[in-house]
Amino acid sequence: MSLEERVNDLESRLAFQDDTIQSLNDVLVVQQRVVERLQLQMAALLRRQEEMVGQFESSEEEAPPPHY
């Protein structure tokens, strides 16, 4: 294999690797956005659950016992 063929082969590999890295980066960016959105949704759900538990506990304390 001549030096020119080896250089062409290396340039081809480099171009393929650059393309692969860019594709992986694009996927990673999309996944990071999904993770961030899921984290926001989870935080909202936790707040909602805490509110509902608080409402349930306060209504339990105010209600008279069943035997009255």
PDB file of N, CA and C in Angstrom:
ATOM      1  N   MET A   1       0.860  -1.177   0.000  1.00  0.00           N
ATOM      2  CA  MET A   1       0.000   0.000   0.000  1.00  0.00           C
ATOM      3  C   MET A   1       0.901   1.234   0.000  1.00  0.00           C
ATOM      4  N   SER A   2       0.657   2.120  -0.898  1.00  0.00           N
ATOM      5  CA  SER A   2       1.493   3.320  -1.014  1.00  0.00           C
ATOM      6  C   SER A   2       1.109   4.340   0.055  1.00  0.00           C
ATOM      7  N   LEU A   3       1.977   5.295   0.235  1.00  0.00           N
ATOM      8  CA  LEU A   3       1.739   6.347   1.224  1.00  0.00           C
ATOM      9  C   LEU A   3       0.465   7.123   0.892  1.00  0.00           C
ATOM     10  N   GLU A   4       0.251   7.403  -0.371  1.00  0.00           N
ATOM     11  CA  GLU A   4      -0.949   8.144  -0.786  1.00  0.00           C
ATOM     12  C   GLU A   4      -2.219   7.351  -0.457  1.00  0.00           C
ATOM     13  N   GLU A   5      -2.211   6.049  -0.686  1.00  0.00           N
ATOM     14  CA  GLU A   5      -3.371   5.204  -0.370  1.00  0.00           C
ATOM     15  C   GLU A   5      -3.619   5.179   1.139  1.00  0.00           C
ATOM     16  N   ARG A   6      -2.550   5.114   1.896  1.00  0.00           N
ATOM     17  CA  ARG A   6      -2.700   5.108   3.352  1.00  0.00           C
ATOM     18  C   ARG A   6      -3.277   6.426   3.850  1.00  0.00           C
ATOM     19  N   VAL A   7      -2.805   7.534   3.292  1.00  0.00           N
ATOM     20  CA  VAL A   7      -3.326   8.849   3.678  1.00  0.00           C
ATOM     21  C   VAL A   7      -4.799   8.957   3.292  1.00  0.00           C
ATOM     22  N   ASN A   8      -5.151   8.508   2.094  1.00  0.00           N
ATOM     23  CA  ASN A   8      -6.558   8.531   1.672  1.00  0.00           C
ATOM     24  C   ASN A   8      -7.421   7.674   2.598  1.00  0.00           C
ATOM     25  N   ASP A   9      -6.904   6.524   2.987  1.00  0.00           N
ATOM     26  CA  ASP A   9      -7.636   5.640   3.896  1.00  0.00           C
ATOM     27  C   ASP A   9      -7.843   6.323   5.248  1.00  0.00           C
ATOM     28  N   LEU A  10      -6.802   6.945   5.766  1.00  0.00           N
ATOM     29  CA  LEU A  10      -6.911   7.655   7.046  1.00  0.00           C
ATOM     30  C   LEU A  10      -7.880   8.828   6.963  1.00  0.00           C
ATOM     31  N   GLU A  11      -7.852   9.555   5.844  1.00  0.00           N
ATOM     32  CA  GLU A  11      -8.784  10.670   5.667  1.00  0.00           C
ATOM     33  C   GLU A  11     -10.226  10.167   5.607  1.00  0.00           C
ATOM     34  N   SER A  12     -10.430   9.034   4.954  1.00  0.00           N
ATOM     35  CA  SER A  12     -11.770   8.444   4.883  1.00  0.00           C
ATOM     36  C   SER A  12     -12.248   8.037   6.267  1.00  0.00           C
ATOM     37  N   ARG A  13     -11.369   7.404   7.020  1.00  0.00           N
ATOM     38  CA  ARG A  13     -11.729   7.001   8.380  1.00  0.00           C
ATOM     39  C   ARG A  13     -12.051   8.214   9.248  1.00  0.00           C
ATOM     40  N   LEU A  14     -11.234   9.242   9.129  1.00  0.00           N
ATOM     41  CA  LEU A  14     -11.459  10.458   9.906  1.00  0.00           C
ATOM     42  C   LEU A  14     -12.810  11.083   9.562  1.00  0.00           C
ATOM     43  N   ALA A  15     -13.122  11.148   8.281  1.00  0.00           N
ATOM     44  CA  ALA A  15     -14.410  11.715   7.862  1.00  0.00           C
ATOM     45  C   ALA A  15     -15.564  10.881   8.418  1.00  0.00           C
ATOM     46  N   PHE A  16     -15.443   9.565   8.374  1.00  0.00           N
ATOM     47  CA  PHE A  16     -16.484   8.685   8.908  1.00  0.00           C
ATOM     48  C   PHE A  16     -16.619   8.884  10.417  1.00  0.00           C
ATOM     49  N   GLN A  17     -15.488   8.982  11.115  1.00  0.00           N
ATOM     50  CA  GLN A  17     -15.536   9.181  12.558  1.00  0.00           C
ATOM     51  C   GLN A  17     -16.145  10.535  12.914  1.00  0.00           C
ATOM     52  N   ASP A  18     -15.802  11.568  12.163  1.00  0.00           N
ATOM     53  CA  ASP A  18     -16.400  12.885  12.398  1.00  0.00           C
ATOM     54  C   ASP A  18     -17.915  12.833  12.224  1.00  0.00           C
ATOM     55  N   ASP A  19     -18.369  12.155  11.195  1.00  0.00           N
ATOM     56  CA  ASP A  19     -19.804  12.019  10.949  1.00  0.00           C
ATOM     57  C   ASP A  19     -20.474  11.239  12.077  1.00  0.00           C
ATOM     58  N   THR A  20     -19.824  10.176  12.507  1.00  0.00           N
ATOM     59  CA  THR A  20     -20.379   9.361  13.588  1.00  0.00           C
ATOM     60  C   THR A  20     -20.457  10.159  14.886  1.00  0.00           C
ATOM     61  N   ILE A  21     -19.413  10.908  15.188  1.00  0.00           N
ATOM     62  CA  ILE A  21     -19.407  11.729  16.406  1.00  0.00           C
ATOM     63  C   ILE A  21     -20.514  12.772  16.349  1.00  0.00           C
ATOM     64  N   GLN A  22     -20.695  13.403  15.205  1.00  0.00           N
ATOM     65  CA  GLN A  22     -21.757  14.408  15.069  1.00  0.00           C
ATOM     66  C   GLN A  22     -23.136  13.770  15.241  1.00  0.00           C
ATOM     67  N   SER A  23     -23.327  12.594  14.667  1.00  0.00           N
ATOM     68  CA  SER A  23     -24.608  11.892  14.811  1.00  0.00           C
ATOM     69  C   SER A  23     -24.871  11.535  16.266  1.00  0.00           C
ATOM     70  N   LEU A  24     -23.858  11.038  16.947  1.00  0.00           N
ATOM     71  CA  LEU A  24     -24.006  10.701  18.363  1.00  0.00           C
ATOM     72  C   LEU A  24     -24.291  11.945  19.196  1.00  0.00           C
ATOM     73  N   ASN A  25     -23.644  13.042  18.878  1.00  0.00           N
ATOM     74  CA  ASN A  25     -23.886  14.285  19.593  1.00  0.00           C
ATOM     75  C   ASN A  25     -25.324  14.760  19.390  1.00  0.00           C
ATOM     76  N   ASP A  26     -25.823  14.655  18.176  1.00  0.00           N
ATOM     77  CA  ASP A  26     -27.205  15.059  17.900  1.00  0.00           C
ATOM     78  C   ASP A  26     -28.192  14.230  18.725  1.00  0.00           C
ATOM     79  N   VAL A  27     -27.943  12.936  18.803  1.00  0.00           N
ATOM     80  CA  VAL A  27     -28.813  12.058  19.592  1.00  0.00           C
ATOM     81  C   VAL A  27     -28.716  12.414  21.069  1.00  0.00           C
ATOM     82  N   LEU A  28     -27.520  12.679  21.535  1.00  0.00           N
ATOM     83  CA  LEU A  28     -27.315  13.031  22.930  1.00  0.00           C
ATOM     84  C   LEU A  28     -28.048  14.321  23.296  1.00  0.00           C
ATOM     85  N   VAL A  29     -28.024  15.298  22.420  1.00  0.00           N
ATOM     86  CA  VAL A  29     -28.724  16.556  22.669  1.00  0.00           C
ATOM     87  C   VAL A  29     -30.230  16.310  22.803  1.00  0.00           C
ATOM     88  N   VAL A  30     -30.780  15.503  21.916  1.00  0.00           N
ATOM     89  CA  VAL A  30     -32.212  15.193  21.974  1.00  0.00           C
ATOM     90  C   VAL A  30     -32.536  14.458  23.273  1.00  0.00           C
ATOM     91  N   GLN A  31     -31.714  13.483  23.642  1.00  0.00           N
ATOM     92  CA  GLN A  31     -31.963  12.728  24.867  1.00  0.00           C
ATOM     93  C   GLN A  31     -31.854  13.617  26.100  1.00  0.00           C
ATOM     94  N   GLN A  32     -30.928  14.544  26.105  1.00  0.00           N
ATOM     95  CA  GLN A  32     -30.798  15.458  27.235  1.00  0.00           C
ATOM     96  C   GLN A  32     -32.046  16.317  27.388  1.00  0.00           C
ATOM     97  N   ARG A  33     -32.610  16.758  26.283  1.00  0.00           N
ATOM     98  CA  ARG A  33     -33.856  17.536  26.346  1.00  0.00           C
ATOM     99  C   ARG A  33     -34.991  16.696  26.909  1.00  0.00           C
ATOM    100  N   VAL A  34     -35.051  15.437  26.498  1.00  0.00           N
ATOM    101  CA  VAL A  34     -36.091  14.533  27.017  1.00  0.00           C
ATOM    102  C   VAL A  34     -35.911  14.339  28.519  1.00  0.00           C
ATOM    103  N   VAL A  35     -34.674  14.128  28.954  1.00  0.00           N
ATOM    104  CA  VAL A  35     -34.400  13.939  30.384  1.00  0.00           C
ATOM    105  C   VAL A  35     -34.807  15.186  31.175  1.00  0.00           C
ATOM    106  N   GLU A  36     -34.462  16.357  30.674  1.00  0.00           N
ATOM    107  CA  GLU A  36     -34.827  17.594  31.364  1.00  0.00           C
ATOM    108  C   GLU A  36     -36.336  17.750  31.460  1.00  0.00           C
ATOM    109  N   ARG A  37     -37.053  17.446  30.373  1.00  0.00           N
ATOM    110  CA  ARG A  37     -38.513  17.531  30.390  1.00  0.00           C
ATOM    111  C   ARG A  37     -39.103  16.531  31.386  1.00  0.00           C
ATOM    112  N   LEU A  38     -38.555  15.320  31.419  1.00  0.00           N
ATOM    113  CA  LEU A  38     -39.038  14.319  32.365  1.00  0.00           C
ATOM    114  C   LEU A  38     -38.763  14.731  33.811  1.00  0.00           C
ATOM    115  N   GLN A  39     -37.626  15.369  34.052  1.00  0.00           N
ATOM    116  CA  GLN A  39     -37.326  15.846  35.400  1.00  0.00           C
ATOM    117  C   GLN A  39     -38.324  16.915  35.833  1.00  0.00           C
ATOM    118  N   LEU A  40     -38.673  17.815  34.933  1.00  0.00           N
ATOM    119  CA  LEU A  40     -39.670  18.848  35.253  1.00  0.00           C
ATOM    120  C   LEU A  40     -41.030  18.216  35.530  1.00  0.00           C
ATOM    121  N   GLN A  41     -41.405  17.232  34.726  1.00  0.00           N
ATOM    122  CA  GLN A  41     -42.687  16.556  34.936  1.00  0.00           C
ATOM    123  C   GLN A  41     -42.698  15.808  36.266  1.00  0.00           C
ATOM    124  N   MET A  42     -41.588  15.165  36.603  1.00  0.00           N
ATOM    125  CA  MET A  42     -41.502  14.445  37.864  1.00  0.00           C
ATOM    126  C   MET A  42     -41.610  15.400  39.047  1.00  0.00           C
ATOM    127  N   ALA A  43     -40.945  16.534  38.962  1.00  0.00           N
ATOM    128  CA  ALA A  43     -41.020  17.526  40.037  1.00  0.00           C
ATOM    129  C   ALA A  43     -42.456  18.027  40.199  1.00  0.00           C
ATOM    130  N   ALA A  44     -43.143  18.263  39.085  1.00  0.00           N
ATOM    131  CA  ALA A  44     -44.540  18.712  39.152  1.00  0.00           C
ATOM    132  C   ALA A  44     -45.425  17.634  39.772  1.00  0.00           C
ATOM    133  N   LEU A  45     -45.192  16.386  39.397  1.00  0.00           N
ATOM    134  CA  LEU A  45     -45.974  15.296  39.980  1.00  0.00           C
ATOM    135  C   LEU A  45     -45.730  15.148  41.476  1.00  0.00           C
ATOM    136  N   LEU A  46     -44.489  15.309  41.899  1.00  0.00           N
ATOM    137  CA  LEU A  46     -44.184  15.225  43.331  1.00  0.00           C
ATOM    138  C   LEU A  46     -44.864  16.349  44.106  1.00  0.00           C
ATOM    139  N   ARG A  47     -44.841  17.563  43.546  1.00  0.00           N
ATOM    140  CA  ARG A  47     -45.531  18.679  44.207  1.00  0.00           C
ATOM    141  C   ARG A  47     -47.022  18.396  44.307  1.00  0.00           C
ATOM    142  N   ARG A  48     -47.588  17.883  43.235  1.00  0.00           N
ATOM    143  CA  ARG A  48     -49.029  17.582  43.228  1.00  0.00           C
ATOM    144  C   ARG A  48     -49.362  16.496  44.247  1.00  0.00           C
ATOM    145  N   GLN A  49     -48.513  15.482  44.332  1.00  0.00           N
ATOM    146  CA  GLN A  49     -48.738  14.422  45.304  1.00  0.00           C
ATOM    147  C   GLN A  49     -48.679  14.969  46.727  1.00  0.00           C
ATOM    148  N   GLU A  50     -47.690  15.820  46.994  1.00  0.00           N
ATOM    149  CA  GLU A  50     -47.576  16.405  48.326  1.00  0.00           C
ATOM    150  C   GLU A  50     -48.810  17.238  48.671  1.00  0.00           C
ATOM    151  N   GLU A  51     -49.331  17.983  47.696  1.00  0.00           N
ATOM    152  CA  GLU A  51     -50.547  18.770  47.931  1.00  0.00           C
ATOM    153  C   GLU A  51     -51.726  17.857  48.238  1.00  0.00           C
ATOM    154  N   MET A  52     -51.845  16.782  47.488  1.00  0.00           N
ATOM    155  CA  MET A  52     -52.968  15.873  47.689  1.00  0.00           C
ATOM    156  C   MET A  52     -52.860  15.167  49.039  1.00  0.00           C
ATOM    157  N   VAL A  53     -51.658  14.762  49.425  1.00  0.00           N
ATOM    158  CA  VAL A  53     -51.465  14.125  50.727  1.00  0.00           C
ATOM    159  C   VAL A  53     -51.796  15.123  51.827  1.00  0.00           C
ATOM    160  N   GLY A  54     -51.374  16.362  51.662  1.00  0.00           N
ATOM    161  CA  GLY A  54     -51.683  17.398  52.646  1.00  0.00           C
ATOM    162  C   GLY A  54     -53.181  17.633  52.765  1.00  0.00           C
ATOM    163  N   GLN A  55     -53.884  17.651  51.659  1.00  0.00           N
ATOM    164  CA  GLN A  55     -55.337  17.833  51.693  1.00  0.00           C
ATOM    165  C   GLN A  55     -56.011  16.634  52.362  1.00  0.00           C
ATOM    166  N   PHE A  56     -55.529  15.450  52.071  1.00  0.00           N
ATOM    167  CA  PHE A  56     -56.111  14.237  52.649  1.00  0.00           C
ATOM    168  C   PHE A  56     -55.895  14.209  54.155  1.00  0.00           C
ATOM    169  N   GLU A  57     -54.699  14.572  54.603  1.00  0.00           N
ATOM    170  CA  GLU A  57     -54.400  14.563  56.031  1.00  0.00           C
ATOM    171  C   GLU A  57     -55.205  15.624  56.761  1.00  0.00           C
ATOM    172  N   SER A  58     -55.355  16.808  56.195  1.00  0.00           N
ATOM    173  CA  SER A  58     -56.115  17.863  56.865  1.00  0.00           C
ATOM    174  C   SER A  58     -57.594  17.526  56.902  1.00  0.00           C
ATOM    175  N   SER A  59     -58.135  16.879  55.878  1.00  0.00           N
ATOM    176  CA  SER A  59     -59.548  16.507  55.898  1.00  0.00           C
ATOM    177  C   SER A  59     -59.789  15.361  56.864  1.00  0.00           C
ATOM    178  N   GLU A  60     -58.816  14.501  57.078  1.00  0.00           N
ATOM    179  CA  GLU A  60     -58.954  13.415  58.049  1.00  0.00           C
ATOM    180  C   GLU A  60     -59.007  13.958  59.459  1.00  0.00           C
ATOM    181  N   GLU A  61     -58.189  14.976  59.743  1.00  0.00           N
ATOM    182  CA  GLU A  61     -58.144  15.546  61.073  1.00  0.00           C
ATOM    183  C   GLU A  61     -59.437  16.290  61.405  1.00  0.00           C
ATOM    184  N   GLU A  62     -60.081  16.897  60.450  1.00  0.00           N
ATOM    185  CA  GLU A  62     -61.285  17.682  60.679  1.00  0.00           C
ATOM    186  C   GLU A  62     -62.547  16.825  60.774  1.00  0.00           C
ATOM    187  N   ALA A  63     -62.552  15.686  60.167  1.00  0.00           N
ATOM    188  CA  ALA A  63     -63.757  14.847  60.147  1.00  0.00           C
ATOM    189  C   ALA A  63     -63.956  14.190  61.523  1.00  0.00           C
ATOM    190  N   PRO A  64     -65.197  14.115  61.992  1.00  0.00           N
ATOM    191  CA  PRO A  64     -65.442  13.449  63.266  1.00  0.00           C
ATOM    192  C   PRO A  64     -65.245  11.939  63.114  1.00  0.00           C
ATOM    193  N   PRO A  65     -64.960  11.267  64.191  1.00  0.00           N
ATOM    194  CA  PRO A  65     -64.795   9.816  64.116  1.00  0.00           C
ATOM    195  C   PRO A  65     -66.085   9.157  63.635  1.00  0.00           C
ATOM    196  N   PRO A  66     -65.996   8.000  62.994  1.00  0.00           N
ATOM    197  CA  PRO A  66     -67.171   7.363  62.416  1.00  0.00           C
ATOM    198  C   PRO A  66     -68.230   6.965  63.445  1.00  0.00           C
ATOM    199  N   HIS A  67     -67.884   6.782  64.706  1.00  0.00           N
ATOM    200  CA  HIS A  67     -68.883   6.325  65.682  1.00  0.00           C
ATOM    201  C   HIS A  67     -69.745   7.451  66.243  1.00  0.00           C
ATOM    202  N   TYR A  68     -69.516   8.714  65.832  1.00  0.00           N
ATOM    203  CA  TYR A  68     -70.366   9.821  66.282  1.00  0.00           C
ATOM    204  C   TYR A  68     -71.549   9.993  65.399  1.00  0.00           C
TER     205      TYR A  68
END
